[in-house]
PDB file of N, CA and C in Angstrom:
ATOM      1  N   MET A   1     113.098 -81.906 151.602  1.00  0.00           N
ATOM      2  CA  MET A   1     111.858 -82.376 151.032  1.00  0.00           C
ATOM      3  C   MET A   1     110.719 -82.031 151.981  1.00  0.00           C
ATOM      4  N   LEU A   2     109.618 -81.637 151.434  1.00  0.00           N
ATOM      5  CA  LEU A   2     108.463 -81.231 152.217  1.00  0.00           C
ATOM      6  C   LEU A   2     107.564 -82.437 152.463  1.00  0.00           C
ATOM      7  N   ALA A   3     107.302 -82.734 153.727  1.00  0.00           N
ATOM      8  CA  ALA A   3     106.404 -83.834 154.086  1.00  0.00           C
ATOM      9  C   ALA A   3     105.388 -83.293 155.079  1.00  0.00           C
ATOM     10  N   LEU A   4     104.125 -83.349 154.707  1.00  0.00           N
ATOM     11  CA  LEU A   4     103.071 -82.831 155.566  1.00  0.00           C
ATOM     12  C   LEU A   4     102.034 -83.914 155.836  1.00  0.00           C
ATOM     13  N   ASN A   5     101.595 -83.984 157.092  1.00  0.00           N
ATOM     14  CA  ASN A   5     100.431 -84.799 157.358  1.00  0.00           C
ATOM     15  C   ASN A   5      99.225 -83.871 157.286  1.00  0.00           C
ATOM     16  N   ALA A   6      98.020 -84.377 157.424  1.00  0.00           N
ATOM     17  CA  ALA A   6      96.807 -83.565 157.265  1.00  0.00           C
ATOM     18  C   ALA A   6      96.750 -82.421 158.275  1.00  0.00           C
ATOM     19  N   GLU A   7      97.117 -82.665 159.527  1.00  0.00           N
ATOM     20  CA  GLU A   7      97.052 -81.622 160.553  1.00  0.00           C
ATOM     21  C   GLU A   7      98.068 -80.513 160.284  1.00  0.00           C
ATOM     22  N   THR A   8      99.282 -80.881 159.934  1.00  0.00           N
ATOM     23  CA  THR A   8     100.306 -79.886 159.640  1.00  0.00           C
ATOM     24  C   THR A   8      99.908 -79.061 158.427  1.00  0.00           C
ATOM     25  N   ALA A   9      99.387 -79.694 157.415  1.00  0.00           N
ATOM     26  CA  ALA A   9      98.957 -78.985 156.207  1.00  0.00           C
ATOM     27  C   ALA A   9      97.843 -77.996 156.523  1.00  0.00           C
ATOM     28  N   ARG A  10      96.969 -78.338 157.413  1.00  0.00           N
ATOM     29  CA  ARG A  10      95.835 -77.480 157.762  1.00  0.00           C
ATOM     30  C   ARG A  10      96.298 -76.197 158.457  1.00  0.00           C
ATOM     31  N   ARG A  11      97.308 -76.276 159.299  1.00  0.00           N
ATOM     32  CA  ARG A  11      97.732 -75.100 160.053  1.00  0.00           C
ATOM     33  C   ARG A  11      98.968 -74.419 159.474  1.00  0.00           C
ATOM     34  N   SER A  12      99.541 -74.936 158.394  1.00  0.00           N
ATOM     35  CA  SER A  12     100.754 -74.371 157.805  1.00  0.00           C
ATOM     36  C   SER A  12     100.442 -73.551 156.563  1.00  0.00           C
ATOM     37  N   ARG A  13     101.355 -72.640 156.278  1.00  0.00           N
ATOM     38  CA  ARG A  13     101.309 -71.875 155.039  1.00  0.00           C
ATOM     39  C   ARG A  13     102.570 -72.200 154.260  1.00  0.00           C
ATOM     40  N   ALA A  14     102.486 -72.093 152.965  1.00  0.00           N
ATOM     41  CA  ALA A  14     103.643 -72.397 152.117  1.00  0.00           C
ATOM     42  C   ALA A  14     104.390 -71.113 151.772  1.00  0.00           C
ATOM     43  N   TYR A  15     105.637 -71.073 152.108  1.00  0.00           N
ATOM     44  CA  TYR A  15     106.536 -69.970 151.794  1.00  0.00           C
ATOM     45  C   TYR A  15     107.548 -70.487 150.785  1.00  0.00           C
ATOM     46  N   ARG A  16     108.238 -69.575 150.106  1.00  0.00           N
ATOM     47  CA  ARG A  16     109.294 -69.954 149.169  1.00  0.00           C
ATOM     48  C   ARG A  16     110.599 -69.327 149.636  1.00  0.00           C
ATOM     49  N   ALA A  17     111.633 -70.137 149.691  1.00  0.00           N
ATOM     50  CA  ALA A  17     112.979 -69.671 150.020  1.00  0.00           C
ATOM     51  C   ALA A  17     113.808 -69.779 148.747  1.00  0.00           C
ATOM     52  N   PHE A  18     114.272 -68.636 148.249  1.00  0.00           N
ATOM     53  CA  PHE A  18     115.063 -68.585 147.024  1.00  0.00           C
ATOM     54  C   PHE A  18     116.525 -68.380 147.378  1.00  0.00           C
ATOM     55  N   LYS A  19     117.355 -69.362 147.051  1.00  0.00           N
ATOM     56  CA  LYS A  19     118.798 -69.262 147.272  1.00  0.00           C
ATOM     57  C   LYS A  19     119.387 -68.515 146.076  1.00  0.00           C
ATOM     58  N   LEU A  20     120.150 -67.458 146.355  1.00  0.00           N
ATOM     59  CA  LEU A  20     120.714 -66.630 145.301  1.00  0.00           C
ATOM     60  C   LEU A  20     122.183 -66.960 145.070  1.00  0.00           C
ATOM     61  N   ASP A  21     122.607 -66.843 143.809  1.00  0.00           N
ATOM     62  CA  ASP A  21     124.024 -67.032 143.512  1.00  0.00           C
ATOM     63  C   ASP A  21     124.764 -65.708 143.747  1.00  0.00           C
ATOM     64  N   ARG A  22     126.060 -65.683 143.475  1.00  0.00           N
ATOM     65  CA  ARG A  22     126.865 -64.483 143.738  1.00  0.00           C
ATOM     66  C   ARG A  22     126.418 -63.271 142.922  1.00  0.00           C
ATOM     67  N   ALA A  23     125.786 -63.514 141.775  1.00  0.00           N
ATOM     68  CA  ALA A  23     125.312 -62.426 140.916  1.00  0.00           C
ATOM     69  C   ALA A  23     123.915 -61.947 141.326  1.00  0.00           C
ATOM     70  N   GLY A  24     123.325 -62.586 142.349  1.00  0.00           N
ATOM     71  CA  GLY A  24     122.000 -62.187 142.808  1.00  0.00           C
ATOM     72  C   GLY A  24     120.861 -62.842 142.059  1.00  0.00           C
ATOM     73  N   ARG A  25     121.175 -63.843 141.246  1.00  0.00           N
ATOM     74  CA  ARG A  25     120.140 -64.581 140.513  1.00  0.00           C
ATOM     75  C   ARG A  25     119.709 -65.794 141.317  1.00  0.00           C
ATOM     76  N   VAL A  26     118.471 -66.236 141.099  1.00  0.00           N
ATOM     77  CA  VAL A  26     117.953 -67.414 141.800  1.00  0.00           C
ATOM     78  C   VAL A  26     118.688 -68.657 141.314  1.00  0.00           C
ATOM     79  N   ALA A  27     119.340 -69.348 142.251  1.00  0.00           N
ATOM     80  CA  ALA A  27     120.057 -70.581 141.942  1.00  0.00           C
ATOM     81  C   ALA A  27     119.185 -71.800 142.211  1.00  0.00           C
ATOM     82  N   SER A  28     118.331 -71.695 143.253  1.00  0.00           N
ATOM     83  CA  SER A  28     117.416 -72.782 143.587  1.00  0.00           C
ATOM     84  C   SER A  28     116.306 -72.230 144.468  1.00  0.00           C
ATOM     85  N   ALA A  29     115.262 -73.019 144.608  1.00  0.00           N
ATOM     86  CA  ALA A  29     114.132 -72.612 145.442  1.00  0.00           C
ATOM     87  C   ALA A  29     113.660 -73.806 146.253  1.00  0.00           C
ATOM     88  N   GLU A  30     113.125 -73.505 147.419  1.00  0.00           N
ATOM     89  CA  GLU A  30     112.625 -74.554 148.304  1.00  0.00           C
ATOM     90  C   GLU A  30     111.337 -74.075 148.967  1.00  0.00           C
ATOM     91  N   ILE A  31     110.392 -74.975 149.111  1.00  0.00           N
ATOM     92  CA  ILE A  31     109.163 -74.660 149.828  1.00  0.00           C
ATOM     93  C   ILE A  31     109.425 -74.813 151.317  1.00  0.00           C
ATOM     94  N   VAL A  32     108.986 -73.825 152.083  1.00  0.00           N
ATOM     95  CA  VAL A  32     109.118 -73.849 153.537  1.00  0.00           C
ATOM     96  C   VAL A  32     107.707 -73.827 154.116  1.00  0.00           C
ATOM     97  N   ALA A  33     107.332 -74.849 154.855  1.00  0.00           N
ATOM     98  CA  ALA A  33     106.022 -74.898 155.508  1.00  0.00           C
ATOM     99  C   ALA A  33     106.176 -74.345 156.916  1.00  0.00           C
ATOM    100  N   ALA A  34     105.359 -73.344 157.235  1.00  0.00           N
ATOM    101  CA  ALA A  34     105.453 -72.711 158.544  1.00  0.00           C
ATOM    102  C   ALA A  34     104.076 -72.222 158.974  1.00  0.00           C
ATOM    103  N   GLU A  35     103.893 -72.105 160.295  1.00  0.00           N
ATOM    104  CA  GLU A  35     102.617 -71.655 160.835  1.00  0.00           C
ATOM    105  C   GLU A  35     102.421 -70.154 160.696  1.00  0.00           C
ATOM    106  N   ASP A  36     103.525 -69.389 160.671  1.00  0.00           N
ATOM    107  CA  ASP A  36     103.419 -67.938 160.546  1.00  0.00           C
ATOM    108  C   ASP A  36     104.734 -67.387 160.007  1.00  0.00           C
ATOM    109  N   ASP A  37     104.762 -66.060 159.784  1.00  0.00           N
ATOM    110  CA  ASP A  37     105.952 -65.425 159.215  1.00  0.00           C
ATOM    111  C   ASP A  37     107.189 -65.617 160.089  1.00  0.00           C
ATOM    112  N   GLY A  38     107.027 -65.466 161.395  1.00  0.00           N
ATOM    113  CA  GLY A  38     108.163 -65.610 162.310  1.00  0.00           C
ATOM    114  C   GLY A  38     108.778 -66.991 162.250  1.00  0.00           C
ATOM    115  N   HIS A  39     107.932 -68.003 162.209  1.00  0.00           N
ATOM    116  CA  HIS A  39     108.412 -69.388 162.111  1.00  0.00           C
ATOM    117  C   HIS A  39     109.148 -69.590 160.790  1.00  0.00           C
ATOM    118  N   ALA A  40     108.623 -69.046 159.702  1.00  0.00           N
ATOM    119  CA  ALA A  40     109.270 -69.173 158.396  1.00  0.00           C
ATOM    120  C   ALA A  40     110.637 -68.488 158.408  1.00  0.00           C
ATOM    121  N   ARG A  41     110.709 -67.287 159.005  1.00  0.00           N
ATOM    122  CA  ARG A  41     111.989 -66.572 159.087  1.00  0.00           C
ATOM    123  C   ARG A  41     113.023 -67.362 159.874  1.00  0.00           C
ATOM    124  N   ARG A  42     112.620 -67.960 160.981  1.00  0.00           N
ATOM    125  CA  ARG A  42     113.558 -68.759 161.789  1.00  0.00           C
ATOM    126  C   ARG A  42     114.086 -69.945 160.992  1.00  0.00           C
ATOM    127  N   GLN A  43     113.204 -70.595 160.243  1.00  0.00           N
ATOM    128  CA  GLN A  43     113.637 -71.737 159.438  1.00  0.00           C
ATOM    129  C   GLN A  43     114.658 -71.311 158.373  1.00  0.00           C
ATOM    130  N   VAL A  44     114.389 -70.178 157.730  1.00  0.00           N
ATOM    131  CA  VAL A  44     115.290 -69.721 156.669  1.00  0.00           C
ATOM    132  C   VAL A  44     116.633 -69.279 157.253  1.00  0.00           C
ATOM    133  N   ARG A  45     116.624 -68.597 158.398  1.00  0.00           N
ATOM    134  CA  ARG A  45     117.895 -68.214 159.038  1.00  0.00           C
ATOM    135  C   ARG A  45     118.757 -69.454 159.282  1.00  0.00           C
ATOM    136  N   ALA A  46     118.131 -70.552 159.674  1.00  0.00           N
ATOM    137  CA  ALA A  46     118.864 -71.796 159.930  1.00  0.00           C
ATOM    138  C   ALA A  46     119.389 -72.417 158.635  1.00  0.00           C
ATOM    139  N   MET A  47     118.789 -72.081 157.498  1.00  0.00           N
ATOM    140  CA  MET A  47     119.201 -72.628 156.205  1.00  0.00           C
ATOM    141  C   MET A  47     120.406 -71.898 155.609  1.00  0.00           C
ATOM    142  N   VAL A  48     120.630 -70.649 156.017  1.00  0.00           N
ATOM    143  CA  VAL A  48     121.683 -69.824 155.419  1.00  0.00           C
ATOM    144  C   VAL A  48     123.049 -70.408 155.767  1.00  0.00           C
ATOM    145  N   GLN A  49     123.846 -70.651 154.733  1.00  0.00           N
ATOM    146  CA  GLN A  49     125.218 -71.103 154.936  1.00  0.00           C
ATOM    147  C   GLN A  49     126.141 -70.200 154.141  1.00  0.00           C
ATOM    148  N   ARG A  50     126.303 -70.466 152.854  1.00  0.00           N
ATOM    149  CA  ARG A  50     127.187 -69.646 152.020  1.00  0.00           C
ATOM    150  C   ARG A  50     126.429 -68.693 151.113  1.00  0.00           C
ATOM    151  N   ASN A  51     125.143 -68.949 150.891  1.00  0.00           N
ATOM    152  CA  ASN A  51     124.371 -68.153 149.946  1.00  0.00           C
ATOM    153  C   ASN A  51     123.325 -67.292 150.641  1.00  0.00           C
ATOM    154  N   THR A  52     123.031 -66.151 150.034  1.00  0.00           N
ATOM    155  CA  THR A  52     121.935 -65.309 150.484  1.00  0.00           C
ATOM    156  C   THR A  52     120.626 -66.003 150.127  1.00  0.00           C
ATOM    157  N   ILE A  53     119.635 -65.886 150.996  1.00  0.00           N
ATOM    158  CA  ILE A  53     118.318 -66.474 150.743  1.00  0.00           C
ATOM    159  C   ILE A  53     117.263 -65.397 150.917  1.00  0.00           C
ATOM    160  N   GLU A  54     116.338 -65.328 149.948  1.00  0.00           N
ATOM    161  CA  GLU A  54     115.183 -64.444 150.057  1.00  0.00           C
ATOM    162  C   GLU A  54     113.962 -65.283 150.396  1.00  0.00           C
ATOM    163  N   LEU A  55     113.127 -64.763 151.288  1.00  0.00           N
ATOM    164  CA  LEU A  55     111.915 -65.450 151.721  1.00  0.00           C
ATOM    165  C   LEU A  55     110.700 -64.705 151.201  1.00  0.00           C
ATOM    166  N   TRP A  56     109.793 -65.454 150.566  1.00  0.00           N
ATOM    167  CA  TRP A  56     108.571 -64.883 149.993  1.00  0.00           C
ATOM    168  C   TRP A  56     107.364 -65.736 150.378  1.00  0.00           C
ATOM    169  N   GLU A  57     106.234 -65.089 150.523  1.00  0.00           N
ATOM    170  CA  GLU A  57     104.941 -65.779 150.587  1.00  0.00           C
ATOM    171  C   GLU A  57     104.134 -65.212 149.439  1.00  0.00           C
ATOM    172  N   ARG A  58     103.983 -65.995 148.414  1.00  0.00           N
ATOM    173  CA  ARG A  58     103.390 -65.551 147.145  1.00  0.00           C
ATOM    174  C   ARG A  58     104.146 -64.332 146.645  1.00  0.00           C
ATOM    175  N   THR A  59     103.488 -63.159 146.552  1.00  0.00           N
ATOM    176  CA  THR A  59     104.165 -61.949 146.066  1.00  0.00           C
ATOM    177  C   THR A  59     104.644 -61.050 147.204  1.00  0.00           C
ATOM    178  N   ARG A  60     104.549 -61.521 148.434  1.00  0.00           N
ATOM    179  CA  ARG A  60     104.929 -60.719 149.603  1.00  0.00           C
ATOM    180  C   ARG A  60     106.352 -61.073 150.037  1.00  0.00           C
ATOM    181  N   PHE A  61     107.221 -60.076 149.952  1.00  0.00           N
ATOM    182  CA  PHE A  61     108.628 -60.245 150.337  1.00  0.00           C
ATOM    183  C   PHE A  61     108.746 -60.161 151.856  1.00  0.00           C
ATOM    184  N   LEU A  62     109.380 -61.180 152.472  1.00  0.00           N
ATOM    185  CA  LEU A  62     109.492 -61.244 153.925  1.00  0.00           C
ATOM    186  C   LEU A  62     110.903 -61.019 154.441  1.00  0.00           C
ATOM    187  N   GLY A  63     111.872 -61.023 153.580  1.00  0.00           N
ATOM    188  CA  GLY A  63     113.217 -60.746 154.056  1.00  0.00           C
ATOM    189  C   GLY A  63     114.298 -61.376 153.214  1.00  0.00           C
ATOM    190  N   ARG A  64     115.475 -60.807 153.416  1.00  0.00           N
ATOM    191  CA  ARG A  64     116.687 -61.301 152.746  1.00  0.00           C
ATOM    192  C   ARG A  64     117.661 -61.661 153.854  1.00  0.00           C
ATOM    193  N   PHE A  65     118.159 -62.868 153.819  1.00  0.00           N
ATOM    194  CA  PHE A  65     119.008 -63.409 154.869  1.00  0.00           C
ATOM    195  C   PHE A  65     120.390 -63.677 154.307  1.00  0.00           C
ATOM    196  N   GLU A  66     121.376 -62.990 154.864  1.00  0.00           N
ATOM    197  CA  GLU A  66     122.763 -63.061 154.387  1.00  0.00           C
ATOM    198  C   GLU A  66     123.565 -64.022 155.258  1.00  0.00           C
ATOM    199  N   PRO A  67     124.554 -64.701 154.664  1.00  0.00           N
ATOM    200  CA  PRO A  67     125.443 -65.525 155.476  1.00  0.00           C
ATOM    201  C   PRO A  67     126.258 -64.644 156.420  1.00  0.00           C
ATOM    202  N   ALA A  68     126.688 -65.209 157.514  1.00  0.00           N
ATOM    203  CA  ALA A  68     127.510 -64.467 158.466  1.00  0.00           C
ATOM    204  C   ALA A  68     128.830 -64.087 157.805  1.00  0.00           C
ATOM    205  N   ALA A  69     129.323 -62.911 158.137  1.00  0.00           N
ATOM    206  CA  ALA A  69     130.607 -62.452 157.597  1.00  0.00           C
ATOM    207  C   ALA A  69     131.705 -63.386 158.133  1.00  0.00           C
ATOM    208  N   PRO A  70     132.777 -63.583 157.356  1.00  0.00           N
ATOM    209  CA  PRO A  70     133.870 -64.443 157.838  1.00  0.00           C
ATOM    210  C   PRO A  70     134.379 -63.959 159.198  1.00  0.00           C
ATOM    211  N   GLY A  71     134.566 -64.894 160.094  1.00  0.00           N
ATOM    212  CA  GLY A  71     135.038 -64.572 161.435  1.00  0.00           C
ATOM    213  C   GLY A  71     133.922 -64.228 162.393  1.00  0.00           C
ATOM    214  N   ARG A  72     132.679 -64.247 161.920  1.00  0.00           N
ATOM    215  CA  ARG A  72     131.524 -63.972 162.799  1.00  0.00           C
ATOM    216  C   ARG A  72     130.582 -65.152 162.745  1.00  0.00           C
ATOM    217  N   ALA A  73     129.956 -65.467 163.847  1.00  0.00           N
ATOM    218  CA  ALA A  73     129.023 -66.594 163.889  1.00  0.00           C
ATOM    219  C   ALA A  73     127.623 -66.111 164.032  1.00  0.00           C
TER     220      ALA A  73
END
């Protein structure tokens, strides 16, 4: 859940993290508040477990994050 106070909202940008199913379709989406692209990417990398996640800021694609291959951390 996204919780922002006034100061955080002022310096943050809203990104979208789209969790994809095995067929590559959007299964769910989450808003990620971050100060910049690098911060948003770090947050999304930490979110990846079993599903691929795509990170977007409006219409700007910022990356696709894949789960670690079995046997790799």
